[in-house]
Amino acid sequence: MADRFLKLHNCETADFKAVPLLDIQEFRSAILSEVNRGSRLISYSAMPKEKDSSNFILIAVLADDMNSLFLVSSTELESDRFPSISPDCPQAQQFERAIAEEWGLIPEGHPNFKPLRYHKPYENRKDAWGRNPEVPIEPGVTDLFKMKGDEIHEVAVGPIHAGVIEPGHFRFQCLGEKVFNLEIALGYQHRGIEKHLVGGPDNKTIHYMESAAGDSSIAQALAYSQAVEALSKTRISGRAQILRGIALELERIANHTGDLGALAGDIAYLPTSSYCGRLRGEYLNMTALLCGNRFGRNFVKPGGVAFDMSEASKSKLTKWLREVFVDTENAIAMLWNAPSALARLEGTGKISLDTCEDLGLVGLAARACGIERDIRFDFPTGIYRFRQIPTSSCPGGDCFARAYTRWLEIKNSAEFIKELIVEMTEGEIMNELKSIEPEKITVSAIEAWCGELVHLVISGADSRFKHYKITDPSLHNWYGLEASMRDEEIYNFPICNKSFSLSYCGHDL
């Protein structure tokens, strides 16, 4: 392993030339060997060897959870084709489909070779299916999975939905009410954020990050800021680390509270639904107390944070959090004490431990299968290096487990925030940002509210971003939602969908 992978800790920087450059077969073998040993594929992308070059480099990052190490390897392609690792490593299939549509590179032997999203290829290239970037691409559903049988019928949902949500198409193959297969097609509003990050950072970069996934503005900004700080060797004060931790955990609580309310609404349990809808707003307003914005925009910046907390604000937040948490606890307790509600959640949308491991599920979805997989514990950065927050898990793999894990995280995050407020040290909140060092690589990972968020960043000789790859937790977990619906009743889809509560735009960067 030593000569096939570069070992990095979270937010550690190394020379890009130190990344082993293997031949394609050895590259494939190295990845599969590590996955079979228990590591996970968390980032896999292609980049031109040089600007305007027709030669490409594949870069893979694996997570060795046991040793808290990221393993990085690469290979240079000799043609526009390369052997797919997806038949032997299901965690790779979405990455390879993205490579094919972005750069026109073909993973030969891919078991489900179709576009991951519907958008124009990069750099005026045709994609792997020969689609011309000058012609607008109409998202279609003609290439979706089909089943044959006289009694098989299909149910199509979306891409336009009855609500203010992003478009996504869900296609079910059913026998009566039973679902044999669900396939999800996304990317109808692909924005090409990663493409615009190359050549940065500039004044627009932080805004791209904060809008990459609106429910994870703080997490995205933090992952980006940590990457820039690593590449520039900029140190962050303890006070800024604490403020970042408070903001990140408030984002987690707000999303989990809102989702538990929405999940209660999907099973028609209105007491919890109505209370949690209001309480989510309270937690968002607490974030606004930090920076004036309910979603944390313009708070986390490379070098620290943009706003400090006064003693009065600290007292107000502590009192506010204590009072709202009591209401939250009472509202959610009603859900656990209602047998009819539990009957709808328990055993519904179950995912086995083996499926969870094969798909490489992350965050809440993995912890609800009993896997204690959490970046804050396995790859801690920032305040999490000094203050441990308990990892919340609930074995079971069903909708109840995913709901109850949310509640455990709300409790742990609320307690963590109160401790951070008490222990907040004095110091500057923003340090001067140094220049990015040229030809470096870093991996910045954050435990966002939905799971593991990974930013892979490579600087060029001009100290600008040469390659920037974001892996949102939803990229892994949408396939968990598909798996949860197999042999399930179709009327349980809204419950399963909300129990994952995945991001469309985070998937469609």
Protein backbone atom coordinates (compact mmCIF):
# COMPACT_ATOMS: atom_id res chain seq x y z
CA MET A 1 0.00 0.00 0.00
CA ALA A 2 2.84 2.38 0.82
CA ASP A 3 3.93 2.77 -2.79
CA ARG A 4 0.44 2.78 -4.31
CA PHE A 5 -1.20 5.49 -2.20
CA LEU A 6 -0.33 8.84 -0.72
CA LYS A 7 -1.51 8.95 2.89
CA LEU A 8 -3.12 12.17 4.09
CA HIS A 9 -4.85 13.21 7.26
CA ASN A 10 -7.94 15.38 6.96
CA CYS A 11 -6.90 18.85 5.69
CA GLU A 12 -3.26 17.84 5.40
CA THR A 13 -1.35 19.16 2.39
CA ALA A 14 1.20 17.37 0.19
CA ASP A 15 2.94 17.94 -3.12
CA PHE A 16 0.71 16.74 -5.93
CA LYS A 17 3.76 15.05 -7.45
CA ALA A 18 3.81 12.81 -4.36
CA VAL A 19 0.57 11.13 -5.47
CA PRO A 20 1.55 7.75 -6.99
CA LEU A 21 0.92 7.56 -10.74
CA LEU A 22 0.10 3.93 -11.49
CA ASP A 23 -0.66 2.14 -14.72
CA ILE A 24 -4.40 1.62 -15.17
CA GLN A 25 -4.50 -2.06 -14.18
CA GLU A 26 -2.44 -1.51 -11.05
CA PHE A 27 -4.59 1.54 -10.21
CA ARG A 28 -7.73 -0.57 -10.49
CA SER A 29 -6.19 -3.40 -8.48
CA ALA A 30 -5.04 -1.03 -5.74
CA ILE A 31 -8.50 0.46 -5.30
CA LEU A 32 -10.24 -2.92 -5.19
CA SER A 33 -7.68 -4.29 -2.77
CA GLU A 34 -8.23 -1.38 -0.38
CA VAL A 35 -12.02 -1.60 -0.64
CA ASN A 36 -11.87 -5.33 0.12
CA ARG A 37 -9.74 -4.47 3.14
CA GLY A 38 -12.48 -2.16 4.45
CA SER A 39 -11.64 1.26 3.00
CA ARG A 40 -14.28 3.32 1.18
CA LEU A 41 -14.14 5.17 -2.14
CA ILE A 42 -15.08 8.75 -1.25
CA SER A 43 -13.89 10.69 -4.32
CA TYR A 44 -13.10 9.58 -7.86
CA SER A 45 -12.71 12.07 -10.69
CA ALA A 46 -10.86 12.99 -13.86
CA MET A 47 -8.90 16.09 -14.77
CA PRO A 48 -6.95 17.15 -17.87
CA LYS A 49 -3.22 16.59 -17.42
CA GLU A 50 -2.61 20.13 -18.64
CA LYS A 51 -4.94 22.91 -19.67
CA ASP A 52 -6.57 22.14 -23.04
CA SER A 53 -4.89 18.73 -22.96
CA SER A 54 -6.53 15.62 -24.43
CA ASN A 55 -4.73 13.48 -21.86
CA PHE A 56 -6.47 12.81 -18.57
CA ILE A 57 -5.55 11.74 -15.07
CA LEU A 58 -7.93 9.75 -12.87
CA ILE A 59 -7.67 10.53 -9.16
CA ALA A 60 -9.15 8.29 -6.48
CA VAL A 61 -9.45 9.02 -2.76
CA LEU A 62 -10.30 6.28 -0.28
CA ALA A 63 -11.08 6.63 3.41
CA ASP A 64 -9.32 4.30 5.83
CA ASP A 65 -11.64 4.88 8.79
CA MET A 66 -9.72 2.69 11.21
CA ASN A 67 -6.51 4.67 10.79
CA SER A 68 -8.07 8.10 10.10
CA LEU A 69 -6.25 8.35 6.79
CA PHE A 70 -7.20 9.33 3.27
CA LEU A 71 -5.47 7.26 0.58
CA VAL A 72 -4.86 9.02 -2.74
CA SER A 73 -3.75 7.41 -6.00
CA SER A 74 -3.86 8.31 -9.68
CA THR A 75 -3.37 6.99 -13.20
CA GLU A 76 -2.84 8.60 -16.59
CA LEU A 77 -5.14 7.40 -19.35
CA GLU A 78 -3.65 6.49 -22.71
CA SER A 79 -7.00 6.74 -24.51
CA ASP A 80 -10.58 7.81 -23.84
CA ARG A 81 -11.39 4.37 -22.43
CA PHE A 82 -10.52 2.74 -19.14
CA PRO A 83 -11.63 -0.45 -17.35
CA SER A 84 -14.52 0.17 -15.00
CA ILE A 85 -14.13 -0.84 -11.36
CA SER A 86 -17.90 -0.65 -10.74
CA PRO A 87 -18.62 -4.35 -11.38
CA ASP A 88 -16.40 -5.16 -8.40
CA CYS A 89 -16.95 -1.96 -6.42
CA PRO A 90 -20.53 -0.59 -6.48
CA GLN A 91 -19.32 2.54 -4.65
CA ALA A 92 -17.64 3.64 -7.90
CA GLN A 93 -20.57 3.51 -10.31
CA GLN A 94 -21.87 7.05 -9.82
CA PHE A 95 -18.34 8.49 -9.97
CA GLU A 96 -17.58 6.75 -13.27
CA ARG A 97 -20.87 7.89 -14.81
CA ALA A 98 -20.01 11.47 -13.84
CA ILE A 99 -16.55 11.14 -15.43
CA ALA A 100 -18.18 9.87 -18.63
CA GLU A 101 -20.63 12.74 -18.94
CA GLU A 102 -18.17 15.47 -17.95
CA TRP A 103 -15.17 14.46 -20.03
CA GLY A 104 -16.33 11.88 -22.58
CA LEU A 105 -14.21 9.12 -21.02
CA ILE A 106 -15.72 5.64 -21.22
CA PRO A 107 -15.52 3.18 -18.28
CA GLU A 108 -15.64 -0.09 -20.20
CA GLY A 109 -17.70 -2.78 -18.54
CA HIS A 110 -19.77 -0.40 -16.41
CA PRO A 111 -22.94 -2.31 -15.42
CA ASN A 112 -25.26 0.71 -15.59
CA PHE A 113 -23.69 2.95 -18.21
CA LYS A 114 -25.91 6.00 -18.60
CA PRO A 115 -25.61 9.67 -17.66
CA LEU A 116 -25.59 10.38 -13.95
CA ARG A 117 -27.09 13.81 -14.59
CA TYR A 118 -28.34 15.62 -17.65
CA HIS A 119 -26.08 18.52 -18.57
CA LYS A 120 -23.64 19.71 -21.17
CA PRO A 121 -20.14 18.16 -21.18
CA TYR A 122 -17.19 20.31 -20.14
CA GLU A 123 -14.79 22.23 -22.37
CA ASN A 124 -16.94 21.94 -25.54
CA ARG A 125 -16.39 18.18 -25.64
CA LYS A 126 -18.85 15.48 -26.58
CA ASP A 127 -19.74 13.23 -23.71
CA ALA A 128 -19.32 9.45 -23.66
CA TRP A 129 -22.65 9.02 -25.47
CA GLY A 130 -21.68 11.38 -28.29
CA ARG A 131 -24.00 14.20 -27.28
CA ASN A 132 -22.95 17.55 -28.72
CA PRO A 133 -22.47 20.28 -26.11
CA GLU A 134 -23.78 22.91 -28.54
CA VAL A 135 -27.19 21.24 -28.60
CA PRO A 136 -29.37 21.71 -25.49
CA ILE A 137 -29.77 18.38 -23.76
CA GLU A 138 -33.34 17.47 -22.93
CA PRO A 139 -33.51 15.29 -19.81
CA GLY A 140 -35.18 12.12 -20.93
CA VAL A 141 -36.38 8.95 -19.25
CA THR A 142 -36.15 6.62 -22.22
CA ASP A 143 -32.96 5.01 -20.95
CA LEU A 144 -34.36 4.06 -17.57
CA PHE A 145 -34.45 0.47 -16.34
CA LYS A 146 -37.27 -1.67 -17.74
CA MET A 147 -38.93 -4.87 -16.54
CA LYS A 148 -40.91 -7.27 -18.71
CA GLY A 149 -44.05 -9.05 -17.64
CA ASP A 150 -47.77 -8.93 -18.42
CA GLU A 151 -48.65 -7.70 -14.94
CA ILE A 152 -45.73 -5.34 -14.42
CA HIS A 153 -46.66 -1.68 -14.53
CA GLU A 154 -44.64 1.51 -14.18
CA VAL A 155 -45.34 4.50 -12.01
CA ALA A 156 -43.65 7.78 -12.93
CA VAL A 157 -43.25 10.59 -10.39
CA GLY A 158 -41.79 13.95 -11.40
CA PRO A 159 -39.62 15.58 -12.47
CA ILE A 160 -42.04 18.39 -11.58
CA HIS A 161 -43.43 17.95 -8.07
CA ALA A 162 -46.35 19.42 -6.17
CA GLY A 163 -44.26 21.69 -3.99
CA VAL A 164 -41.36 24.10 -3.89
CA ILE A 165 -38.65 21.49 -4.43
CA GLU A 166 -36.12 20.81 -7.13
CA PRO A 167 -36.96 18.54 -10.07
CA GLY A 168 -36.21 14.85 -9.99
CA HIS A 169 -37.73 11.85 -11.74
CA PHE A 170 -38.64 8.64 -9.90
CA ARG A 171 -39.60 5.58 -11.93
CA PHE A 172 -41.08 2.53 -10.20
CA GLN A 173 -41.56 -0.97 -11.65
CA CYS A 174 -44.38 -2.57 -9.70
CA LEU A 175 -46.56 -5.65 -9.39
CA GLY A 176 -49.69 -4.33 -7.79
CA GLU A 177 -48.52 -2.25 -4.84
CA LYS A 178 -45.15 -3.98 -4.51
CA VAL A 179 -42.09 -2.19 -5.89
CA PHE A 180 -39.54 -4.37 -7.65
CA ASN A 181 -37.25 -1.52 -8.64
CA LEU A 182 -36.95 2.22 -8.23
CA GLU A 183 -34.67 4.29 -10.45
CA ILE A 184 -33.99 7.96 -9.78
CA ALA A 185 -32.97 10.44 -12.51
CA LEU A 186 -31.58 13.79 -11.38
CA GLY A 187 -29.68 16.71 -12.81
CA TYR A 188 -32.45 18.71 -14.44
CA GLN A 189 -30.99 21.96 -13.14
CA HIS A 190 -27.29 21.16 -13.20
CA ARG A 191 -25.34 24.37 -12.53
CA GLY A 192 -21.76 23.35 -13.29
CA ILE A 193 -20.40 24.71 -10.01
CA GLU A 194 -17.27 22.56 -10.01
CA LYS A 195 -16.36 23.84 -13.48
CA HIS A 196 -16.57 27.45 -12.26
CA LEU A 197 -14.34 26.73 -9.26
CA VAL A 198 -11.34 25.92 -11.45
CA GLY A 199 -9.09 28.98 -11.67
CA GLY A 200 -10.22 30.27 -8.27
CA PRO A 201 -10.36 31.21 -5.56
CA ASP A 202 -11.86 34.62 -6.24
CA ASN A 203 -14.59 36.79 -4.78
CA LYS A 204 -17.32 34.57 -6.23
CA THR A 205 -15.97 31.27 -4.90
CA ILE A 206 -17.44 31.49 -1.39
CA HIS A 207 -20.86 32.30 -2.89
CA TYR A 208 -20.68 29.22 -5.12
CA MET A 209 -19.95 27.18 -2.01
CA GLU A 210 -22.76 28.62 0.08
CA SER A 211 -25.26 27.98 -2.72
CA ALA A 212 -23.95 24.53 -3.71
CA ALA A 213 -26.56 22.99 -1.41
CA GLY A 214 -28.76 25.46 0.43
CA ASP A 215 -29.42 23.13 3.36
CA SER A 216 -25.66 22.80 3.93
CA SER A 217 -24.41 26.37 3.42
CA ILE A 218 -22.28 26.31 6.55
CA ALA A 219 -20.87 22.83 5.92
CA GLN A 220 -19.96 23.63 2.30
CA ALA A 221 -18.35 26.94 3.25
CA LEU A 222 -16.44 25.25 6.06
CA ALA A 223 -15.11 22.42 3.87
CA TYR A 224 -13.95 24.98 1.31
CA SER A 225 -12.41 27.26 3.93
CA GLN A 226 -10.49 24.41 5.52
CA ALA A 227 -9.14 23.37 2.11
CA VAL A 228 -7.91 26.91 1.35
CA GLU A 229 -6.41 27.21 4.84
CA ALA A 230 -4.59 23.90 4.38
CA LEU A 231 -3.22 24.89 0.97
CA SER A 232 -2.06 28.26 2.30
CA LYS A 233 -0.80 27.06 5.70
CA THR A 234 -3.12 29.52 7.46
CA ARG A 235 -3.82 28.85 11.13
CA ILE A 236 -7.24 29.46 12.71
CA SER A 237 -7.83 30.77 16.23
CA GLY A 238 -9.55 28.68 18.88
CA ARG A 239 -12.39 31.18 19.14
CA ALA A 240 -13.09 30.97 15.41
CA GLN A 241 -13.04 27.16 15.59
CA ILE A 242 -15.64 27.22 18.36
CA LEU A 243 -17.88 29.63 16.48
CA ARG A 244 -17.65 27.44 13.39
CA GLY A 245 -18.62 24.39 15.47
CA ILE A 246 -21.65 26.17 16.93
CA ALA A 247 -22.85 27.19 13.47
CA LEU A 248 -22.36 23.70 12.00
CA GLU A 249 -24.28 22.02 14.83
CA LEU A 250 -27.12 24.56 14.63
CA GLU A 251 -27.41 23.73 10.92
CA ARG A 252 -27.60 20.04 11.85
CA ILE A 253 -30.30 20.57 14.50
CA ALA A 254 -32.43 22.76 12.23
CA ASN A 255 -32.42 20.23 9.41
CA HIS A 256 -33.08 17.23 11.63
CA THR A 257 -35.92 18.99 13.45
CA GLY A 258 -37.57 20.03 10.19
CA ASP A 259 -37.20 16.53 8.75
CA LEU A 260 -38.72 14.84 11.77
CA GLY A 261 -41.68 17.18 11.45
CA ALA A 262 -42.00 16.46 7.73
CA LEU A 263 -41.71 12.72 8.36
CA ALA A 264 -44.50 12.97 10.93
CA GLY A 265 -46.57 14.83 8.35
CA ASP A 266 -46.04 12.03 5.79
CA ILE A 267 -47.60 9.53 8.21
CA ALA A 268 -50.37 12.01 9.10
CA TYR A 269 -49.22 12.51 12.68
CA LEU A 270 -49.94 16.21 12.90
CA PRO A 271 -48.90 17.13 16.48
CA THR A 272 -45.19 16.50 15.86
CA SER A 273 -45.48 17.81 12.31
CA SER A 274 -46.91 21.19 13.28
CA TYR A 275 -44.60 21.74 16.26
CA CYS A 276 -41.38 20.80 14.45
CA GLY A 277 -42.16 23.07 11.54
CA ARG A 278 -42.17 26.01 13.93
CA LEU A 279 -39.20 24.80 15.95
CA ARG A 280 -37.02 24.50 12.88
CA GLY A 281 -37.54 28.21 12.40
CA GLU A 282 -36.33 28.84 15.94
CA TYR A 283 -33.04 27.09 15.26
CA LEU A 284 -32.62 28.99 12.00
CA ASN A 285 -33.17 32.22 13.91
CA MET A 286 -30.41 31.18 16.31
CA THR A 287 -28.08 30.95 13.32
CA ALA A 288 -29.24 34.44 12.34
CA LEU A 289 -28.17 35.58 15.82
CA LEU A 290 -24.62 34.55 14.88
CA CYS A 291 -24.39 36.31 11.54
CA GLY A 292 -27.67 37.94 10.55
CA ASN A 293 -28.62 35.18 8.10
CA ARG A 294 -30.85 32.22 8.94
CA PHE A 295 -28.89 29.86 6.69
CA GLY A 296 -25.43 30.98 7.82
CA ARG A 297 -24.48 32.80 4.64
CA ASN A 298 -21.47 35.11 4.93
CA PHE A 299 -20.39 33.62 8.28
CA VAL A 300 -17.63 31.08 7.60
CA LYS A 301 -14.73 32.52 5.60
CA PRO A 302 -11.22 31.29 4.80
CA GLY A 303 -9.19 32.50 7.76
CA GLY A 304 -11.95 32.27 10.36
CA VAL A 305 -15.45 33.70 10.72
CA ALA A 306 -16.91 37.09 9.79
CA PHE A 307 -18.86 37.74 13.01
CA ASP A 308 -18.08 37.42 16.71
CA MET A 309 -20.39 36.72 19.66
CA SER A 310 -20.75 39.19 22.49
CA GLU A 311 -21.34 38.08 26.07
CA ALA A 312 -24.95 39.20 25.70
CA SER A 313 -25.38 37.07 22.56
CA LYS A 314 -23.83 34.06 24.30
CA SER A 315 -26.28 34.39 27.20
CA LYS A 316 -29.21 34.86 24.84
CA LEU A 317 -28.27 31.83 22.72
CA THR A 318 -27.80 29.60 25.79
CA LYS A 319 -31.20 30.55 27.22
CA TRP A 320 -32.91 30.37 23.83
CA LEU A 321 -31.44 26.96 23.03
CA ARG A 322 -32.44 25.55 26.42
CA GLU A 323 -36.04 26.71 26.07
CA VAL A 324 -36.51 25.61 22.47
CA PHE A 325 -34.89 22.24 23.13
CA VAL A 326 -37.51 21.48 25.81
CA ASP A 327 -40.25 22.14 23.25
CA THR A 328 -38.40 20.02 20.69
CA GLU A 329 -38.03 17.14 23.12
CA ASN A 330 -41.73 17.23 23.95
CA ALA A 331 -42.81 17.46 20.31
CA ILE A 332 -40.65 14.55 19.19
CA ALA A 333 -41.53 12.43 22.26
CA MET A 334 -45.13 12.43 21.06
CA LEU A 335 -43.97 10.65 17.91
CA TRP A 336 -42.22 7.88 19.86
CA ASN A 337 -45.24 7.47 22.16
CA ALA A 338 -47.77 7.02 19.36
CA PRO A 339 -48.12 3.29 18.47
CA SER A 340 -49.80 4.10 15.16
CA ALA A 341 -46.86 6.33 14.16
CA LEU A 342 -44.28 3.73 15.15
CA ALA A 343 -46.15 1.05 13.22
CA ARG A 344 -45.69 3.08 10.03
CA LEU A 345 -41.95 3.59 10.62
CA GLU A 346 -40.72 0.30 12.06
CA GLY A 347 -39.67 -2.20 9.40
CA THR A 348 -40.38 0.21 6.54
CA GLY A 349 -37.67 0.90 3.95
CA LYS A 350 -35.14 -1.39 5.57
CA ILE A 351 -31.55 -1.56 4.30
CA SER A 352 -29.27 -4.42 5.27
CA LEU A 353 -25.82 -3.87 6.69
CA ASP A 354 -24.26 -5.56 3.64
CA THR A 355 -26.11 -3.25 1.24
CA CYS A 356 -25.05 -0.25 3.29
CA GLU A 357 -21.41 -1.30 3.06
CA ASP A 358 -21.56 -2.19 -0.64
CA LEU A 359 -23.08 1.16 -1.60
CA GLY A 360 -20.78 3.11 0.70
CA LEU A 361 -23.62 4.93 2.44
CA VAL A 362 -22.52 7.77 4.68
CA GLY A 363 -23.72 9.92 7.54
CA LEU A 364 -27.17 9.45 8.98
CA ALA A 365 -28.07 6.66 6.54
CA ALA A 366 -25.01 4.60 7.58
CA ARG A 367 -25.40 5.26 11.30
CA ALA A 368 -29.04 4.14 11.07
CA CYS A 369 -27.70 0.78 9.88
CA GLY A 370 -25.53 0.53 12.99
CA ILE A 371 -22.27 1.74 11.42
CA GLU A 372 -20.64 4.43 13.56
CA ARG A 373 -19.29 6.35 10.58
CA ASP A 374 -18.76 10.03 11.40
CA ILE A 375 -16.11 12.44 10.11
CA ARG A 376 -16.23 14.32 13.42
CA PHE A 377 -14.95 11.19 15.16
CA ASP A 378 -12.95 9.35 12.47
CA PHE A 379 -11.29 12.36 10.76
CA PRO A 380 -11.69 15.27 13.20
CA THR A 381 -10.73 18.80 12.24
CA GLY A 382 -11.27 22.19 13.85
CA ILE A 383 -12.92 22.14 17.25
CA TYR A 384 -13.64 18.41 16.93
CA ARG A 385 -9.95 17.69 17.46
CA PHE A 386 -10.30 19.02 21.00
CA ARG A 387 -13.94 18.38 21.94
CA GLN A 388 -15.56 15.03 21.21
CA ILE A 389 -19.25 14.84 20.32
CA PRO A 390 -20.88 11.40 20.76
CA THR A 391 -21.60 9.45 17.58
CA SER A 392 -25.32 8.72 17.28
CA SER A 393 -26.40 5.42 15.77
CA CYS A 394 -29.44 3.18 15.84
CA PRO A 395 -29.12 -0.28 14.25
CA GLY A 396 -32.13 -1.38 12.26
CA GLY A 397 -31.73 0.24 8.85
CA ASP A 398 -35.41 1.21 8.59
CA CYS A 399 -37.31 4.48 8.64
CA PHE A 400 -37.59 4.35 12.42
CA ALA A 401 -33.82 3.97 12.79
CA ARG A 402 -33.20 6.93 10.51
CA ALA A 403 -35.76 9.01 12.42
CA TYR A 404 -34.46 8.04 15.86
CA THR A 405 -30.85 8.68 14.85
CA ARG A 406 -31.93 12.21 13.97
CA TRP A 407 -33.32 12.68 17.47
CA LEU A 408 -30.11 11.39 19.06
CA GLU A 409 -28.09 13.83 16.96
CA ILE A 410 -30.34 16.74 17.97
CA LYS A 411 -29.75 15.96 21.65
CA ASN A 412 -25.99 15.55 21.26
CA SER A 413 -25.59 18.66 19.13
CA ALA A 414 -27.61 20.84 21.53
CA GLU A 415 -25.50 19.73 24.47
CA PHE A 416 -22.32 20.23 22.46
CA ILE A 417 -23.28 23.81 21.58
CA LYS A 418 -23.95 24.68 25.22
CA GLU A 419 -20.55 23.30 26.20
CA LEU A 420 -18.80 25.28 23.45
CA ILE A 421 -20.44 28.53 24.55
CA VAL A 422 -19.18 28.02 28.11
CA GLU A 423 -15.67 27.11 26.95
CA MET A 424 -15.28 29.83 24.31
CA THR A 425 -11.77 31.25 24.47
CA GLU A 426 -10.63 34.79 23.74
CA GLY A 427 -8.88 35.60 20.49
CA GLU A 428 -9.20 36.91 16.99
CA ILE A 429 -12.00 35.59 14.81
CA MET A 430 -10.22 36.20 11.51
CA ASN A 431 -6.55 35.62 10.70
CA GLU A 432 -4.77 36.93 7.64
CA LEU A 433 -5.04 34.45 4.81
CA LYS A 434 -1.71 33.50 3.25
CA SER A 435 -1.14 32.70 -0.41
CA ILE A 436 -2.01 29.25 -1.69
CA GLU A 437 1.08 27.16 -2.33
CA PRO A 438 1.51 25.85 -5.89
CA GLU A 439 1.08 22.26 -7.04
CA LYS A 440 -0.36 20.94 -3.78
CA ILE A 441 -3.20 18.56 -2.96
CA THR A 442 -5.51 18.39 0.04
CA VAL A 443 -8.68 16.58 1.06
CA SER A 444 -11.09 18.50 3.29
CA ALA A 445 -13.92 16.46 4.83
CA ILE A 446 -16.79 17.69 7.01
CA GLU A 447 -19.64 15.82 8.68
CA ALA A 448 -22.51 17.84 7.23
CA TRP A 449 -25.98 17.30 8.67
CA CYS A 450 -26.77 14.63 6.06
CA GLY A 451 -23.36 12.98 6.12
CA GLU A 452 -19.85 13.05 4.79
CA LEU A 453 -18.97 16.06 2.61
CA VAL A 454 -15.62 15.84 0.79
CA HIS A 455 -13.72 18.54 -1.11
CA LEU A 456 -10.70 17.36 -3.12
CA VAL A 457 -8.58 20.34 -4.16
CA ILE A 458 -5.41 20.54 -6.28
CA SER A 459 -3.55 23.80 -6.88
CA GLY A 460 -1.70 24.49 -10.11
CA ALA A 461 1.66 26.12 -10.75
CA ASP A 462 -0.09 29.52 -10.66
CA SER A 463 -1.43 28.86 -7.11
CA ARG A 464 -4.99 28.74 -8.47
CA PHE A 465 -7.39 25.80 -8.29
CA LYS A 466 -6.41 23.32 -10.98
CA HIS A 467 -8.95 20.71 -9.90
CA TYR A 468 -11.87 20.96 -7.49
CA LYS A 469 -14.15 17.99 -6.81
CA ILE A 470 -17.04 18.10 -4.33
CA THR A 471 -18.66 14.87 -3.13
CA ASP A 472 -21.92 15.62 -1.37
CA PRO A 473 -23.30 12.87 0.91
CA SER A 474 -26.33 12.63 -1.36
CA LEU A 475 -24.14 11.27 -4.18
CA HIS A 476 -23.77 8.08 -2.13
CA ASN A 477 -27.13 8.00 -0.40
CA TRP A 478 -29.58 8.38 -3.30
CA TYR A 479 -28.77 4.76 -4.10
CA GLY A 480 -29.65 3.85 -0.54
CA LEU A 481 -33.11 5.29 -1.14
CA GLU A 482 -33.44 3.16 -4.28
CA ALA A 483 -32.41 0.07 -2.31
CA SER A 484 -34.83 0.86 0.53
CA MET A 485 -37.82 0.61 -1.84
CA ARG A 486 -37.15 -2.89 -3.15
CA ASP A 487 -39.99 -5.25 -2.18
CA GLU A 488 -41.62 -2.30 -0.42
CA GLU A 489 -45.17 -1.05 -0.86
CA ILE A 490 -45.28 1.95 -3.17
CA TYR A 491 -47.37 4.00 -0.74
CA ASN A 492 -44.37 3.94 1.63
CA PHE A 493 -42.20 5.91 -0.79
CA PRO A 494 -42.89 9.35 0.78
CA ILE A 495 -41.84 7.99 4.18
CA CYS A 496 -38.67 6.38 2.83
CA ASN A 497 -37.84 9.48 0.81
CA LYS A 498 -38.18 11.82 3.79
CA SER A 499 -36.31 9.44 6.10
CA PHE A 500 -33.26 9.99 3.88
CA SER A 501 -34.08 13.64 3.05
CA LEU A 502 -31.47 13.91 0.33
CA SER A 503 -30.27 16.90 -1.64
CA TYR A 504 -31.04 17.29 -5.33
CA CYS A 505 -28.70 20.21 -5.89
CA GLY A 506 -25.91 18.66 -3.77
CA HIS A 507 -25.99 15.71 -6.17
CA ASP A 508 -26.16 17.96 -9.24
CA LEU A 509 -23.12 20.19 -8.75
